[in-house]
Amino acid sequence: YNYRVRKDEMGPSGAPALEMVDTTPAGPLQSPPMSLRPGARHTVSLWARTAEDSPATVALEAILQRERFRENQTVARQSFTVTHQWQRFSMSGEVAFGDLPAYLNLSAPGAVLLDAIQVEEGDKPTDYASARPVEVCAVPTRDYGVFFENHDLHFRVAASGQWKPGSSIKARIVDLFDRVTDLPSIALT
């Protein structure tokens, strides 16, 4: 895995920080696909600090996926030096094609803590606001989320926010042939 939720480390937003662990061997930490308005400038912002005392260089890249699992187009790319103190970083760029899914890639050679990552329209970052009262991230345990029929399906789930007692996550898997399989509910505790 190239990330884990650090319940013992709160970020500036007040939520547990996400620790991105050396992405060199496994590839970057990638966001879910996003739809962005074409022709508009968008800003990515995040808080970051190193897990250790030594500084690290973090690379942030915004990409558009031109064809399913084929060709990517970089919209913006920026590297920044992260220290052991929480700092906010941002990057802006214009999206030319709104019909293509957009992704964020984050990579670093060491352990970096992240918090309050957001993408918004405009040239400047605004104060962080969670997109939903509860946010859930599910990441497959295999590189690039590729499982074959003879592989057991395993993925890690992290949730933050406020949910009602008895709440659960409903998930489904969609394969490359658009076949859908509903998974058993996962209780939030």
C-alpha atoms as a PDB file:
ATOM      1  CA  TYR A   1       0.000   0.000   0.000  1.00  0.00           C
ATOM      2  CA  ASN A   2       1.237   3.515  -0.629  1.00  0.00           C
ATOM      3  CA  TYR A   3      -1.012   5.236   1.919  1.00  0.00           C
ATOM      4  CA  ARG A   4      -2.643   4.815   5.318  1.00  0.00           C
ATOM      5  CA  VAL A   5      -4.903   6.901   7.552  1.00  0.00           C
ATOM      6  CA  ARG A   6      -3.095   8.110  10.679  1.00  0.00           C
ATOM      7  CA  LYS A   7      -5.720   8.225  13.424  1.00  0.00           C
ATOM      8  CA  ASP A   8      -2.967   9.344  15.818  1.00  0.00           C
ATOM      9  CA  GLU A   9      -2.051  12.393  13.663  1.00  0.00           C
ATOM     10  CA  MET A  10      -4.648  15.123  13.123  1.00  0.00           C
ATOM     11  CA  GLY A  11      -4.204  17.459  10.180  1.00  0.00           C
ATOM     12  CA  PRO A  12      -5.034  21.188  10.132  1.00  0.00           C
ATOM     13  CA  SER A  13      -8.639  20.347   9.102  1.00  0.00           C
ATOM     14  CA  GLY A  14      -9.167  18.456  12.369  1.00  0.00           C
ATOM     15  CA  ALA A  15      -9.491  15.104  10.564  1.00  0.00           C
ATOM     16  CA  PRO A  16      -6.913  12.292  10.698  1.00  0.00           C
ATOM     17  CA  ALA A  17      -4.034  12.848   8.269  1.00  0.00           C
ATOM     18  CA  LEU A  18      -3.408  10.589   5.291  1.00  0.00           C
ATOM     19  CA  GLU A  19       0.146   9.256   5.247  1.00  0.00           C
ATOM     20  CA  MET A  20       1.568   8.722   1.789  1.00  0.00           C
ATOM     21  CA  VAL A  21       4.402   6.205   2.068  1.00  0.00           C
ATOM     22  CA  ASP A  22       7.282   6.055  -0.399  1.00  0.00           C
ATOM     23  CA  THR A  23       5.529   5.969  -3.781  1.00  0.00           C
ATOM     24  CA  THR A  24       8.712   5.155  -5.716  1.00  0.00           C
ATOM     25  CA  PRO A  25       8.102   1.387  -6.072  1.00  0.00           C
ATOM     26  CA  ALA A  26       4.283   1.347  -6.317  1.00  0.00           C
ATOM     27  CA  GLY A  27       3.595   4.468  -8.348  1.00  0.00           C
ATOM     28  CA  PRO A  28       1.752   7.654  -7.358  1.00  0.00           C
ATOM     29  CA  LEU A  29      -1.220   8.013  -5.069  1.00  0.00           C
ATOM     30  CA  GLN A  30      -4.076   8.734  -7.509  1.00  0.00           C
ATOM     31  CA  SER A  31      -7.415  10.392  -6.831  1.00  0.00           C
ATOM     32  CA  PRO A  32     -10.740   9.070  -8.052  1.00  0.00           C
ATOM     33  CA  PRO A  33     -11.856  10.518 -11.426  1.00  0.00           C
ATOM     34  CA  MET A  34     -13.305  14.045 -11.348  1.00  0.00           C
ATOM     35  CA  SER A  35     -15.430  16.033 -13.794  1.00  0.00           C
ATOM     36  CA  LEU A  36     -14.159  19.580 -14.303  1.00  0.00           C
ATOM     37  CA  ARG A  37     -15.722  22.462 -16.239  1.00  0.00           C
ATOM     38  CA  PRO A  38     -13.901  22.955 -19.576  1.00  0.00           C
ATOM     39  CA  GLY A  39     -12.245  26.322 -20.185  1.00  0.00           C
ATOM     40  CA  ALA A  40     -12.239  27.208 -16.481  1.00  0.00           C
ATOM     41  CA  ARG A  41      -9.211  27.546 -14.230  1.00  0.00           C
ATOM     42  CA  HIS A  42      -9.105  25.140 -11.308  1.00  0.00           C
ATOM     43  CA  THR A  43      -6.961  25.136  -8.182  1.00  0.00           C
ATOM     44  CA  VAL A  44      -5.712  22.130  -6.237  1.00  0.00           C
ATOM     45  CA  SER A  45      -4.730  22.786  -2.622  1.00  0.00           C
ATOM     46  CA  LEU A  46      -3.524  20.593   0.208  1.00  0.00           C
ATOM     47  CA  TRP A  47      -1.745  20.669   3.548  1.00  0.00           C
ATOM     48  CA  ALA A  48       1.415  18.570   3.831  1.00  0.00           C
ATOM     49  CA  ARG A  49       4.286  17.783   6.192  1.00  0.00           C
ATOM     50  CA  THR A  50       6.915  15.069   6.408  1.00  0.00           C
ATOM     51  CA  ALA A  51       6.436  12.214   8.852  1.00  0.00           C
ATOM     52  CA  GLU A  52      10.140  12.443   9.783  1.00  0.00           C
ATOM     53  CA  ASP A  53      12.375  15.443  10.511  1.00  0.00           C
ATOM     54  CA  SER A  54      14.042  15.477   7.079  1.00  0.00           C
ATOM     55  CA  PRO A  55      12.437  17.409   4.169  1.00  0.00           C
ATOM     56  CA  ALA A  56      10.972  15.677   1.112  1.00  0.00           C
ATOM     57  CA  THR A  57      10.027  16.722  -2.402  1.00  0.00           C
ATOM     58  CA  VAL A  58       6.408  16.033  -3.317  1.00  0.00           C
ATOM     59  CA  ALA A  59       5.266  15.998  -6.953  1.00  0.00           C
ATOM     60  CA  LEU A  60       1.672  16.978  -7.723  1.00  0.00           C
ATOM     61  CA  GLU A  61       0.291  16.338 -11.193  1.00  0.00           C
ATOM     62  CA  ALA A  62      -3.173  16.923 -12.671  1.00  0.00           C
ATOM     63  CA  ILE A  63      -3.937  14.709 -15.659  1.00  0.00           C
ATOM     64  CA  LEU A  64      -6.784  14.062 -18.081  1.00  0.00           C
ATOM     65  CA  GLN A  65      -7.351  10.524 -19.255  1.00  0.00           C
ATOM     66  CA  ARG A  66      -7.904  10.667 -23.022  1.00  0.00           C
ATOM     67  CA  GLU A  67      -8.927   7.052 -23.594  1.00  0.00           C
ATOM     68  CA  ARG A  68      -9.848   4.378 -21.125  1.00  0.00           C
ATOM     69  CA  PHE A  69      -6.566   3.069 -19.628  1.00  0.00           C
ATOM     70  CA  ARG A  70      -4.576   4.395 -22.570  1.00  0.00           C
ATOM     71  CA  GLU A  71      -3.211   7.919 -22.910  1.00  0.00           C
ATOM     72  CA  ASN A  72      -2.983  10.683 -20.300  1.00  0.00           C
ATOM     73  CA  GLN A  73      -2.534  14.409 -20.857  1.00  0.00           C
ATOM     74  CA  THR A  74      -0.811  16.435 -18.133  1.00  0.00           C
ATOM     75  CA  VAL A  75      -2.729  19.643 -17.373  1.00  0.00           C
ATOM     76  CA  ALA A  76      -0.440  20.946 -14.618  1.00  0.00           C
ATOM     77  CA  ARG A  77       2.587  19.673 -12.711  1.00  0.00           C
ATOM     78  CA  GLN A  78       4.408  21.142  -9.733  1.00  0.00           C
ATOM     79  CA  SER A  79       6.943  19.942  -7.179  1.00  0.00           C
ATOM     80  CA  PHE A  80       7.332  21.431  -3.722  1.00  0.00           C
ATOM     81  CA  THR A  81       9.554  20.866  -0.710  1.00  0.00           C
ATOM     82  CA  VAL A  82       7.764  19.690   2.408  1.00  0.00           C
ATOM     83  CA  THR A  83       9.216  20.071   5.910  1.00  0.00           C
ATOM     84  CA  HIS A  84       8.183  18.672   9.294  1.00  0.00           C
ATOM     85  CA  GLN A  85       5.797  21.649   9.833  1.00  0.00           C
ATOM     86  CA  TRP A  86       2.318  21.683   8.269  1.00  0.00           C
ATOM     87  CA  GLN A  87       2.269  23.945   5.192  1.00  0.00           C
ATOM     88  CA  ARG A  88      -0.412  24.605   2.577  1.00  0.00           C
ATOM     89  CA  PHE A  89       0.487  24.202  -1.077  1.00  0.00           C
ATOM     90  CA  SER A  90      -1.542  24.960  -4.202  1.00  0.00           C
ATOM     91  CA  MET A  91      -1.375  24.689  -7.973  1.00  0.00           C
ATOM     92  CA  SER A  92      -3.684  26.167 -10.634  1.00  0.00           C
ATOM     93  CA  GLY A  93      -4.331  25.302 -14.263  1.00  0.00           C
ATOM     94  CA  GLU A  94      -6.897  25.513 -17.040  1.00  0.00           C
ATOM     95  CA  VAL A  95      -8.859  22.491 -18.179  1.00  0.00           C
ATOM     96  CA  ALA A  96      -9.423  22.418 -21.931  1.00  0.00           C
ATOM     97  CA  PHE A  97     -11.466  19.233 -22.218  1.00  0.00           C
ATOM     98  CA  GLY A  98     -14.422  18.773 -19.856  1.00  0.00           C
ATOM     99  CA  ASP A  99     -15.572  15.478 -21.335  1.00  0.00           C
ATOM    100  CA  LEU A 100     -12.442  13.690 -20.086  1.00  0.00           C
ATOM    101  CA  PRO A 101     -12.030  12.450 -16.502  1.00  0.00           C
ATOM    102  CA  ALA A 102      -9.403  14.319 -14.467  1.00  0.00           C
ATOM    103  CA  TYR A 103      -7.134  12.766 -11.835  1.00  0.00           C
ATOM    104  CA  LEU A 104      -4.584  13.997  -9.311  1.00  0.00           C
ATOM    105  CA  ASN A 105      -1.334  12.108  -8.848  1.00  0.00           C
ATOM    106  CA  LEU A 106       0.808  12.655  -5.743  1.00  0.00           C
ATOM    107  CA  SER A 107       4.234  11.115  -5.291  1.00  0.00           C
ATOM    108  CA  ALA A 108       7.156  11.385  -2.882  1.00  0.00           C
ATOM    109  CA  PRO A 109      10.247   9.284  -2.100  1.00  0.00           C
ATOM    110  CA  GLY A 110       9.525   9.232   1.665  1.00  0.00           C
ATOM    111  CA  ALA A 111       6.640   9.348   4.145  1.00  0.00           C
ATOM    112  CA  VAL A 112       4.513  12.511   3.833  1.00  0.00           C
ATOM    113  CA  LEU A 113       1.347  13.407   5.747  1.00  0.00           C
ATOM    114  CA  LEU A 114      -1.496  15.000   3.744  1.00  0.00           C
ATOM    115  CA  ASP A 115      -4.695  16.781   4.771  1.00  0.00           C
ATOM    116  CA  ALA A 116      -7.532  18.845   3.316  1.00  0.00           C
ATOM    117  CA  ILE A 117      -6.917  18.046  -0.355  1.00  0.00           C
ATOM    118  CA  GLN A 118      -9.424  19.886  -2.519  1.00  0.00           C
ATOM    119  CA  VAL A 119     -10.004  20.853  -6.144  1.00  0.00           C
ATOM    120  CA  GLU A 120     -12.079  23.947  -6.878  1.00  0.00           C
ATOM    121  CA  GLU A 121     -12.788  26.413  -9.640  1.00  0.00           C
ATOM    122  CA  GLY A 122     -10.772  29.636  -9.575  1.00  0.00           C
ATOM    123  CA  ASP A 123      -7.192  30.910  -9.390  1.00  0.00           C
ATOM    124  CA  LYS A 124      -6.719  30.866  -5.616  1.00  0.00           C
ATOM    125  CA  PRO A 125      -7.403  28.279  -2.929  1.00  0.00           C
ATOM    126  CA  THR A 126     -10.183  28.958  -0.445  1.00  0.00           C
ATOM    127  CA  ASP A 127     -10.575  27.637   3.095  1.00  0.00           C
ATOM    128  CA  TYR A 128     -11.019  23.883   3.136  1.00  0.00           C
ATOM    129  CA  ALA A 129     -14.561  22.556   3.206  1.00  0.00           C
ATOM    130  CA  SER A 130     -15.336  18.855   3.048  1.00  0.00           C
ATOM    131  CA  ALA A 131     -17.325  17.983  -0.070  1.00  0.00           C
ATOM    132  CA  ARG A 132     -19.653  15.743   1.949  1.00  0.00           C
ATOM    133  CA  PRO A 133     -20.401  15.112   5.638  1.00  0.00           C
ATOM    134  CA  VAL A 134     -18.768  11.684   5.238  1.00  0.00           C
ATOM    135  CA  GLU A 135     -15.922  10.880   2.863  1.00  0.00           C
ATOM    136  CA  VAL A 136     -14.907   7.311   1.993  1.00  0.00           C
ATOM    137  CA  CYS A 137     -11.878   6.037   0.112  1.00  0.00           C
ATOM    138  CA  ALA A 138     -11.569   2.434  -1.103  1.00  0.00           C
ATOM    139  CA  VAL A 139      -8.283   1.371  -2.670  1.00  0.00           C
ATOM    140  CA  PRO A 140      -7.541  -2.074  -4.130  1.00  0.00           C
ATOM    141  CA  THR A 141      -4.507  -3.888  -2.761  1.00  0.00           C
ATOM    142  CA  ARG A 142      -3.134  -4.784  -6.188  1.00  0.00           C
ATOM    143  CA  ASP A 143      -1.156  -2.329  -8.311  1.00  0.00           C
ATOM    144  CA  TYR A 144      -3.451  -0.254 -10.525  1.00  0.00           C
ATOM    145  CA  GLY A 145      -6.489  -2.075  -9.120  1.00  0.00           C
ATOM    146  CA  VAL A 146      -6.128  -4.907 -11.622  1.00  0.00           C
ATOM    147  CA  PHE A 147      -7.545  -8.255 -10.473  1.00  0.00           C
ATOM    148  CA  PHE A 148      -7.925 -11.348 -12.594  1.00  0.00           C
ATOM    149  CA  GLU A 149     -10.590 -14.024 -12.191  1.00  0.00           C
ATOM    150  CA  ASN A 150      -8.240 -16.239 -10.172  1.00  0.00           C
ATOM    151  CA  HIS A 151      -7.381 -13.421  -7.686  1.00  0.00           C
ATOM    152  CA  ASP A 152      -9.213 -12.757  -4.439  1.00  0.00           C
ATOM    153  CA  LEU A 153     -10.540  -9.203  -4.308  1.00  0.00           C
ATOM    154  CA  HIS A 154      -9.075  -7.201  -1.412  1.00  0.00           C
ATOM    155  CA  PHE A 155      -9.178  -3.458  -0.823  1.00  0.00           C
ATOM    156  CA  ARG A 156      -8.632  -1.030   2.035  1.00  0.00           C
ATOM    157  CA  VAL A 157     -11.368   1.342   3.162  1.00  0.00           C
ATOM    158  CA  ALA A 158     -10.907   4.608   5.069  1.00  0.00           C
ATOM    159  CA  ALA A 159     -13.735   6.927   6.147  1.00  0.00           C
ATOM    160  CA  SER A 160     -13.792  10.338   7.825  1.00  0.00           C
ATOM    161  CA  GLY A 161     -16.573  12.622   8.970  1.00  0.00           C
ATOM    162  CA  GLN A 162     -19.689  12.189  11.084  1.00  0.00           C
ATOM    163  CA  TRP A 163     -22.044   9.288  10.373  1.00  0.00           C
ATOM    164  CA  LYS A 164     -25.092   7.963  12.151  1.00  0.00           C
ATOM    165  CA  PRO A 165     -24.795   4.784  14.228  1.00  0.00           C
ATOM    166  CA  GLY A 166     -25.524   1.731  12.107  1.00  0.00           C
ATOM    167  CA  SER A 167     -24.334   3.395   8.867  1.00  0.00           C
ATOM    168  CA  SER A 168     -22.682   1.268   6.222  1.00  0.00           C
ATOM    169  CA  ILE A 169     -20.925   1.566   2.870  1.00  0.00           C
ATOM    170  CA  LYS A 170     -22.498   0.015  -0.200  1.00  0.00           C
ATOM    171  CA  ALA A 171     -20.058  -0.753  -2.976  1.00  0.00           C
ATOM    172  CA  ARG A 172     -19.989  -2.401  -6.361  1.00  0.00           C
ATOM    173  CA  ILE A 173     -17.288  -3.559  -8.708  1.00  0.00           C
ATOM    174  CA  VAL A 174     -17.402  -2.713 -12.415  1.00  0.00           C
ATOM    175  CA  ASP A 175     -15.006  -4.716 -14.567  1.00  0.00           C
ATOM    176  CA  LEU A 176     -13.448  -3.807 -17.916  1.00  0.00           C
ATOM    177  CA  PHE A 177     -16.449  -5.303 -19.705  1.00  0.00           C
ATOM    178  CA  ASP A 178     -18.885  -3.137 -17.654  1.00  0.00           C
ATOM    179  CA  ARG A 179     -20.166  -6.146 -15.704  1.00  0.00           C
ATOM    180  CA  VAL A 180     -21.403  -5.039 -12.269  1.00  0.00           C
ATOM    181  CA  THR A 181     -21.087  -7.012  -9.020  1.00  0.00           C
ATOM    182  CA  ASP A 182     -22.626  -5.647  -5.815  1.00  0.00           C
ATOM    183  CA  LEU A 183     -20.503  -6.231  -2.710  1.00  0.00           C
ATOM    184  CA  PRO A 184     -21.759  -6.933   0.821  1.00  0.00           C
ATOM    185  CA  SER A 185     -22.266  -3.784   2.911  1.00  0.00           C
ATOM    186  CA  ILE A 186     -19.361  -2.630   5.072  1.00  0.00           C
ATOM    187  CA  ALA A 187     -20.357  -1.345   8.534  1.00  0.00           C
ATOM    188  CA  LEU A 188     -18.891   2.002   9.628  1.00  0.00           C
ATOM    189  CA  THR A 189     -17.693   1.884  13.222  1.00  0.00           C
END
